[in-house]
Amino acid sequence: MGWMHAFIVANLIGIGANLDNCGVGIAYGSKKIRFPHWVNAIVNAIGFVTALLGAYVGEVISWYISPDVAAWAACIALCIIGLFFWYSAYVHPRISTNKWQMKIERPGWKQGVMLGWTLSLTNVASGFGVTISNTNSTMLWIAALTIALWGYIAIWIGNIVGIGVLSKILGKYSSLIAGLLLIVVGIHQVLSSW
């Protein structure tokens, strides 16, 4: 796999893994709360560390398995994340008996740390998915950096959009788009290994 191709795949994964960040920005924006840049930096510093951890694990595992098996493992991991996005956004709210409202306040460092850990759970699997099918060691850093960068951009854009008029449209479909993007990238990992 060429360097440019791997870079594009890493960015697509970075975007797909962070559309939930966009939803967070929209949630705050729809309440007319500006998400501070320094809190966004805390959230995505944690995202960077967890993506780096996932990417490192993916790189280590790739030393012991064939490229075809690695491509299938990456595909399965990314598809599972995509399906989880769909489940948590569309299925779970319909079947859950626990209905509660979240009160949104202006975020500080505590909320930044909490959001960072919450939003970065998928970064471990995303970092794993992007590096397990690539033998290039630079992919470890590229994966983590693109996931963190797109996480920052997603919260920032989501907050701007949330304050604006498009919040209902993008907010409603962000999980659908995120899940679809991760599944497509996962399938692409397998197809590109043939």
C-alpha atoms as a PDB file:
ATOM      1  CA  MET A   1       0.000   0.000   0.000  1.00  0.00           C
ATOM      2  CA  GLY A   2       1.474   3.363  -1.018  1.00  0.00           C
ATOM      3  CA  TRP A   3       2.139   6.116   1.499  1.00  0.00           C
ATOM      4  CA  MET A   4      -0.463   8.460  -0.034  1.00  0.00           C
ATOM      5  CA  HIS A   5      -3.106   5.735  -0.081  1.00  0.00           C
ATOM      6  CA  ALA A   6      -2.402   4.919   3.571  1.00  0.00           C
ATOM      7  CA  PHE A   7      -2.581   8.625   4.453  1.00  0.00           C
ATOM      8  CA  ILE A   8      -5.991   8.948   2.762  1.00  0.00           C
ATOM      9  CA  VAL A   9      -7.282   5.861   4.568  1.00  0.00           C
ATOM     10  CA  ALA A  10      -5.988   7.217   7.909  1.00  0.00           C
ATOM     11  CA  ASN A  11      -7.803  10.516   7.300  1.00  0.00           C
ATOM     12  CA  LEU A  12     -11.041   8.777   6.359  1.00  0.00           C
ATOM     13  CA  ILE A  13     -10.812   6.744   9.555  1.00  0.00           C
ATOM     14  CA  GLY A  14     -10.015   9.941  11.470  1.00  0.00           C
ATOM     15  CA  ILE A  15     -13.144  11.580  10.094  1.00  0.00           C
ATOM     16  CA  GLY A  16     -15.329   8.520  10.655  1.00  0.00           C
ATOM     17  CA  ALA A  17     -14.059   7.965  14.182  1.00  0.00           C
ATOM     18  CA  ASN A  18     -14.810  11.546  15.135  1.00  0.00           C
ATOM     19  CA  LEU A  19     -18.268  12.279  13.812  1.00  0.00           C
ATOM     20  CA  ASP A  20     -19.446  11.592  17.355  1.00  0.00           C
ATOM     21  CA  ASN A  21     -17.205  14.518  18.362  1.00  0.00           C
ATOM     22  CA  CYS A  22     -19.149  16.593  15.876  1.00  0.00           C
ATOM     23  CA  GLY A  23     -22.328  15.532  17.665  1.00  0.00           C
ATOM     24  CA  VAL A  24     -20.850  16.761  20.960  1.00  0.00           C
ATOM     25  CA  GLY A  25     -20.034  20.118  19.402  1.00  0.00           C
ATOM     26  CA  ILE A  26     -23.560  20.316  17.990  1.00  0.00           C
ATOM     27  CA  ALA A  27     -25.090  19.449  21.373  1.00  0.00           C
ATOM     28  CA  TYR A  28     -23.246  22.312  23.040  1.00  0.00           C
ATOM     29  CA  GLY A  29     -23.873  24.657  20.126  1.00  0.00           C
ATOM     30  CA  SER A  30     -27.585  23.942  20.018  1.00  0.00           C
ATOM     31  CA  LYS A  31     -27.713  25.192  23.612  1.00  0.00           C
ATOM     32  CA  LYS A  32     -25.792  28.323  22.473  1.00  0.00           C
ATOM     33  CA  ILE A  33     -22.734  27.230  24.504  1.00  0.00           C
ATOM     34  CA  ARG A  34     -19.353  27.842  22.901  1.00  0.00           C
ATOM     35  CA  PHE A  35     -17.010  24.889  23.357  1.00  0.00           C
ATOM     36  CA  PRO A  36     -13.674  26.361  24.574  1.00  0.00           C
ATOM     37  CA  HIS A  37     -10.652  25.569  22.385  1.00  0.00           C
ATOM     38  CA  TRP A  38      -8.545  24.591  25.409  1.00  0.00           C
ATOM     39  CA  VAL A  39     -11.180  22.026  26.478  1.00  0.00           C
ATOM     40  CA  ASN A  40     -11.269  20.734  22.897  1.00  0.00           C
ATOM     41  CA  ALA A  41      -7.477  20.352  23.130  1.00  0.00           C
ATOM     42  CA  ILE A  42      -7.818  18.296  26.353  1.00  0.00           C
ATOM     43  CA  VAL A  43     -10.455  16.053  24.750  1.00  0.00           C
ATOM     44  CA  ASN A  44      -8.288  15.372  21.715  1.00  0.00           C
ATOM     45  CA  ALA A  45      -5.005  15.013  23.613  1.00  0.00           C
ATOM     46  CA  ILE A  46      -6.658  12.066  25.345  1.00  0.00           C
ATOM     47  CA  GLY A  47      -7.943  10.939  21.937  1.00  0.00           C
ATOM     48  CA  PHE A  48      -4.394  11.083  20.566  1.00  0.00           C
ATOM     49  CA  VAL A  49      -3.011   8.924  23.390  1.00  0.00           C
ATOM     50  CA  THR A  50      -5.737   6.292  23.029  1.00  0.00           C
ATOM     51  CA  ALA A  51      -5.444   6.260  19.223  1.00  0.00           C
ATOM     52  CA  LEU A  52      -1.663   5.865  19.584  1.00  0.00           C
ATOM     53  CA  LEU A  53      -2.227   2.959  21.957  1.00  0.00           C
ATOM     54  CA  GLY A  54      -4.599   1.287  19.492  1.00  0.00           C
ATOM     55  CA  ALA A  55      -2.258   1.958  16.574  1.00  0.00           C
ATOM     56  CA  TYR A  56       0.712   0.518  18.493  1.00  0.00           C
ATOM     57  CA  VAL A  57      -1.224  -2.645  19.352  1.00  0.00           C
ATOM     58  CA  GLY A  58      -2.263  -2.930  15.698  1.00  0.00           C
ATOM     59  CA  GLU A  59       1.335  -2.559  14.527  1.00  0.00           C
ATOM     60  CA  VAL A  60       2.608  -5.209  16.953  1.00  0.00           C
ATOM     61  CA  ILE A  61      -0.099  -7.653  15.924  1.00  0.00           C
ATOM     62  CA  SER A  62       0.636  -7.009  12.221  1.00  0.00           C
ATOM     63  CA  TRP A  63       4.137  -8.480  12.736  1.00  0.00           C
ATOM     64  CA  TYR A  64       2.614 -11.875  13.538  1.00  0.00           C
ATOM     65  CA  ILE A  65      -0.191 -12.227  11.013  1.00  0.00           C
ATOM     66  CA  SER A  66      -0.384 -12.214   7.216  1.00  0.00           C
ATOM     67  CA  PRO A  67      -1.530  -9.091   5.320  1.00  0.00           C
ATOM     68  CA  ASP A  68      -4.769 -10.826   4.246  1.00  0.00           C
ATOM     69  CA  VAL A  69      -5.670 -11.774   7.822  1.00  0.00           C
ATOM     70  CA  ALA A  70      -4.713  -8.277   8.945  1.00  0.00           C
ATOM     71  CA  ALA A  71      -6.973  -6.689   6.329  1.00  0.00           C
ATOM     72  CA  TRP A  72      -9.893  -8.860   7.460  1.00  0.00           C
ATOM     73  CA  ALA A  73      -9.202  -8.049  11.130  1.00  0.00           C
ATOM     74  CA  ALA A  74      -9.151  -4.328  10.326  1.00  0.00           C
ATOM     75  CA  CYS A  75     -12.359  -4.665   8.314  1.00  0.00           C
ATOM     76  CA  ILE A  76     -14.129  -6.480  11.140  1.00  0.00           C
ATOM     77  CA  ALA A  77     -12.927  -3.992  13.781  1.00  0.00           C
ATOM     78  CA  LEU A  78     -14.026  -0.968  11.737  1.00  0.00           C
ATOM     79  CA  CYS A  79     -17.368  -2.537  10.774  1.00  0.00           C
ATOM     80  CA  ILE A  80     -18.084  -3.369  14.425  1.00  0.00           C
ATOM     81  CA  ILE A  81     -17.409   0.253  15.402  1.00  0.00           C
ATOM     82  CA  GLY A  82     -19.662   1.469  12.584  1.00  0.00           C
ATOM     83  CA  LEU A  83     -22.448  -0.902  13.635  1.00  0.00           C
ATOM     84  CA  PHE A  84     -21.992   0.182  17.265  1.00  0.00           C
ATOM     85  CA  PHE A  85     -22.512   3.817  16.207  1.00  0.00           C
ATOM     86  CA  TRP A  86     -25.764   2.831  14.509  1.00  0.00           C
ATOM     87  CA  TYR A  87     -26.907   0.727  17.448  1.00  0.00           C
ATOM     88  CA  SER A  88     -26.155   3.377  20.077  1.00  0.00           C
ATOM     89  CA  ALA A  89     -27.808   6.157  18.067  1.00  0.00           C
ATOM     90  CA  TYR A  90     -30.872   4.429  16.620  1.00  0.00           C
ATOM     91  CA  VAL A  91     -31.589   1.067  18.280  1.00  0.00           C
ATOM     92  CA  HIS A  92     -30.617   1.486  21.941  1.00  0.00           C
ATOM     93  CA  PRO A  93     -32.691   4.661  22.528  1.00  0.00           C
ATOM     94  CA  ARG A  94     -35.779   2.828  21.223  1.00  0.00           C
ATOM     95  CA  ILE A  95     -35.352  -0.282  23.374  1.00  0.00           C
ATOM     96  CA  SER A  96     -33.969   1.311  26.529  1.00  0.00           C
ATOM     97  CA  THR A  97     -36.390   1.773  29.410  1.00  0.00           C
ATOM     98  CA  ASN A  98     -34.045   4.267  31.095  1.00  0.00           C
ATOM     99  CA  LYS A  99     -35.056   7.709  29.786  1.00  0.00           C
ATOM    100  CA  TRP A 100     -32.985  10.523  31.202  1.00  0.00           C
ATOM    101  CA  GLN A 101     -32.117  14.015  30.093  1.00  0.00           C
ATOM    102  CA  MET A 102     -28.528  15.224  30.126  1.00  0.00           C
ATOM    103  CA  LYS A 103     -28.026  18.764  31.401  1.00  0.00           C
ATOM    104  CA  ILE A 104     -25.477  20.589  29.308  1.00  0.00           C
ATOM    105  CA  GLU A 105     -23.304  23.267  30.939  1.00  0.00           C
ATOM    106  CA  ARG A 106     -20.268  25.186  29.683  1.00  0.00           C
ATOM    107  CA  PRO A 107     -17.424  22.609  29.689  1.00  0.00           C
ATOM    108  CA  GLY A 108     -14.361  22.974  31.887  1.00  0.00           C
ATOM    109  CA  TRP A 109     -11.324  20.767  32.408  1.00  0.00           C
ATOM    110  CA  LYS A 110     -13.296  18.053  34.259  1.00  0.00           C
ATOM    111  CA  GLN A 111     -15.813  17.771  31.406  1.00  0.00           C
ATOM    112  CA  GLY A 112     -12.893  17.835  28.948  1.00  0.00           C
ATOM    113  CA  VAL A 113     -11.256  14.848  30.620  1.00  0.00           C
ATOM    114  CA  MET A 114     -14.557  12.987  30.886  1.00  0.00           C
ATOM    115  CA  LEU A 115     -15.459  13.691  27.251  1.00  0.00           C
ATOM    116  CA  GLY A 116     -11.913  12.823  26.195  1.00  0.00           C
ATOM    117  CA  TRP A 117     -12.130   9.335  27.693  1.00  0.00           C
ATOM    118  CA  THR A 118     -15.715   8.799  26.559  1.00  0.00           C
ATOM    119  CA  LEU A 119     -15.144   9.888  22.977  1.00  0.00           C
ATOM    120  CA  SER A 120     -11.787   8.147  22.661  1.00  0.00           C
ATOM    121  CA  LEU A 121     -13.015   4.624  23.334  1.00  0.00           C
ATOM    122  CA  THR A 122     -13.481   4.186  19.590  1.00  0.00           C
ATOM    123  CA  ASN A 123     -10.054   5.723  18.914  1.00  0.00           C
ATOM    124  CA  VAL A 124      -8.336   2.617  20.288  1.00  0.00           C
ATOM    125  CA  ALA A 125     -10.149   0.411  17.783  1.00  0.00           C
ATOM    126  CA  SER A 126      -9.783   2.951  14.973  1.00  0.00           C
ATOM    127  CA  GLY A 127      -6.033   3.258  15.528  1.00  0.00           C
ATOM    128  CA  PHE A 128      -5.832  -0.534  15.646  1.00  0.00           C
ATOM    129  CA  GLY A 129      -7.816  -0.844  12.419  1.00  0.00           C
ATOM    130  CA  VAL A 130      -5.702   1.590  10.422  1.00  0.00           C
ATOM    131  CA  THR A 131      -2.333   0.091  11.409  1.00  0.00           C
ATOM    132  CA  ILE A 132      -3.087  -3.621  11.499  1.00  0.00           C
ATOM    133  CA  SER A 133      -3.410  -3.776   7.722  1.00  0.00           C
ATOM    134  CA  ASN A 134      -0.352  -1.587   7.046  1.00  0.00           C
ATOM    135  CA  THR A 135       3.241  -2.662   7.610  1.00  0.00           C
ATOM    136  CA  ASN A 136       4.556   0.917   7.425  1.00  0.00           C
ATOM    137  CA  SER A 137       5.659   1.949  10.917  1.00  0.00           C
ATOM    138  CA  THR A 138       4.903   5.613  10.248  1.00  0.00           C
ATOM    139  CA  MET A 139       1.223   4.654  10.050  1.00  0.00           C
ATOM    140  CA  LEU A 140       1.203   4.397  13.843  1.00  0.00           C
ATOM    141  CA  TRP A 141       1.845   8.139  14.179  1.00  0.00           C
ATOM    142  CA  ILE A 142      -0.211   9.123  11.144  1.00  0.00           C
ATOM    143  CA  ALA A 143      -3.230   7.238  12.495  1.00  0.00           C
ATOM    144  CA  ALA A 144      -3.020   8.806  15.945  1.00  0.00           C
ATOM    145  CA  LEU A 145      -2.380  12.315  14.595  1.00  0.00           C
ATOM    146  CA  THR A 146      -5.212  12.216  12.059  1.00  0.00           C
ATOM    147  CA  ILE A 147      -7.668  10.870  14.617  1.00  0.00           C
ATOM    148  CA  ALA A 148      -6.713  13.599  17.114  1.00  0.00           C
ATOM    149  CA  LEU A 149      -6.701  16.342  14.461  1.00  0.00           C
ATOM    150  CA  TRP A 150     -10.075  15.357  13.048  1.00  0.00           C
ATOM    151  CA  GLY A 151     -11.431  15.054  16.586  1.00  0.00           C
ATOM    152  CA  TYR A 152     -10.498  18.666  17.277  1.00  0.00           C
ATOM    153  CA  ILE A 153     -11.905  19.855  13.950  1.00  0.00           C
ATOM    154  CA  ALA A 154     -15.119  17.840  14.435  1.00  0.00           C
ATOM    155  CA  ILE A 155     -15.902  19.391  17.835  1.00  0.00           C
ATOM    156  CA  TRP A 156     -15.081  22.868  16.529  1.00  0.00           C
ATOM    157  CA  ILE A 157     -17.216  22.513  13.371  1.00  0.00           C
ATOM    158  CA  GLY A 158     -19.998  20.800  15.305  1.00  0.00           C
ATOM    159  CA  ASN A 159     -20.088  23.667  17.772  1.00  0.00           C
ATOM    160  CA  ILE A 160     -20.287  26.235  14.966  1.00  0.00           C
ATOM    161  CA  VAL A 161     -22.975  24.240  13.169  1.00  0.00           C
ATOM    162  CA  GLY A 162     -24.861  23.688  16.423  1.00  0.00           C
ATOM    163  CA  ILE A 163     -25.004  27.395  17.051  1.00  0.00           C
ATOM    164  CA  GLY A 164     -26.214  27.851  13.445  1.00  0.00           C
ATOM    165  CA  VAL A 165     -29.239  26.519  11.604  1.00  0.00           C
ATOM    166  CA  LEU A 166     -27.936  23.154  10.384  1.00  0.00           C
ATOM    167  CA  SER A 167     -27.760  21.503  13.803  1.00  0.00           C
ATOM    168  CA  LYS A 168     -30.907  19.410  13.451  1.00  0.00           C
ATOM    169  CA  ILE A 169     -29.983  18.025  10.037  1.00  0.00           C
ATOM    170  CA  LEU A 170     -26.353  17.123  10.782  1.00  0.00           C
ATOM    171  CA  GLY A 171     -27.060  16.067  14.350  1.00  0.00           C
ATOM    172  CA  LYS A 172     -29.749  13.651  13.246  1.00  0.00           C
ATOM    173  CA  TYR A 173     -27.556  11.896  10.680  1.00  0.00           C
ATOM    174  CA  SER A 174     -24.051  12.142  12.196  1.00  0.00           C
ATOM    175  CA  SER A 175     -24.120   8.577  13.605  1.00  0.00           C
ATOM    176  CA  LEU A 176     -25.478   7.197  10.332  1.00  0.00           C
ATOM    177  CA  ILE A 177     -22.716   8.905   8.340  1.00  0.00           C
ATOM    178  CA  ALA A 178     -19.998   7.935  10.856  1.00  0.00           C
ATOM    179  CA  GLY A 179     -21.043   4.274  10.869  1.00  0.00           C
ATOM    180  CA  LEU A 180     -21.302   4.136   7.085  1.00  0.00           C
ATOM    181  CA  LEU A 181     -17.900   5.787   6.607  1.00  0.00           C
ATOM    182  CA  LEU A 182     -16.172   3.340   8.977  1.00  0.00           C
ATOM    183  CA  ILE A 183     -17.840   0.319   7.345  1.00  0.00           C
ATOM    184  CA  VAL A 184     -16.852   1.528   3.856  1.00  0.00           C
ATOM    185  CA  VAL A 185     -13.248   2.066   4.986  1.00  0.00           C
ATOM    186  CA  GLY A 186     -13.261  -1.416   6.566  1.00  0.00           C
ATOM    187  CA  ILE A 187     -14.481  -3.025   3.339  1.00  0.00           C
ATOM    188  CA  HIS A 188     -11.924  -0.985   1.403  1.00  0.00           C
ATOM    189  CA  GLN A 189      -9.137  -2.434   3.594  1.00  0.00           C
ATOM    190  CA  VAL A 190     -10.069  -5.944   2.417  1.00  0.00           C
ATOM    191  CA  LEU A 191     -10.545  -4.986  -1.240  1.00  0.00           C
ATOM    192  CA  SER A 192      -7.216  -3.149  -1.387  1.00  0.00           C
ATOM    193  CA  SER A 193      -5.362  -6.198  -0.031  1.00  0.00           C
ATOM    194  CA  TRP A 194      -6.402  -8.344  -3.032  1.00  0.00           C
END
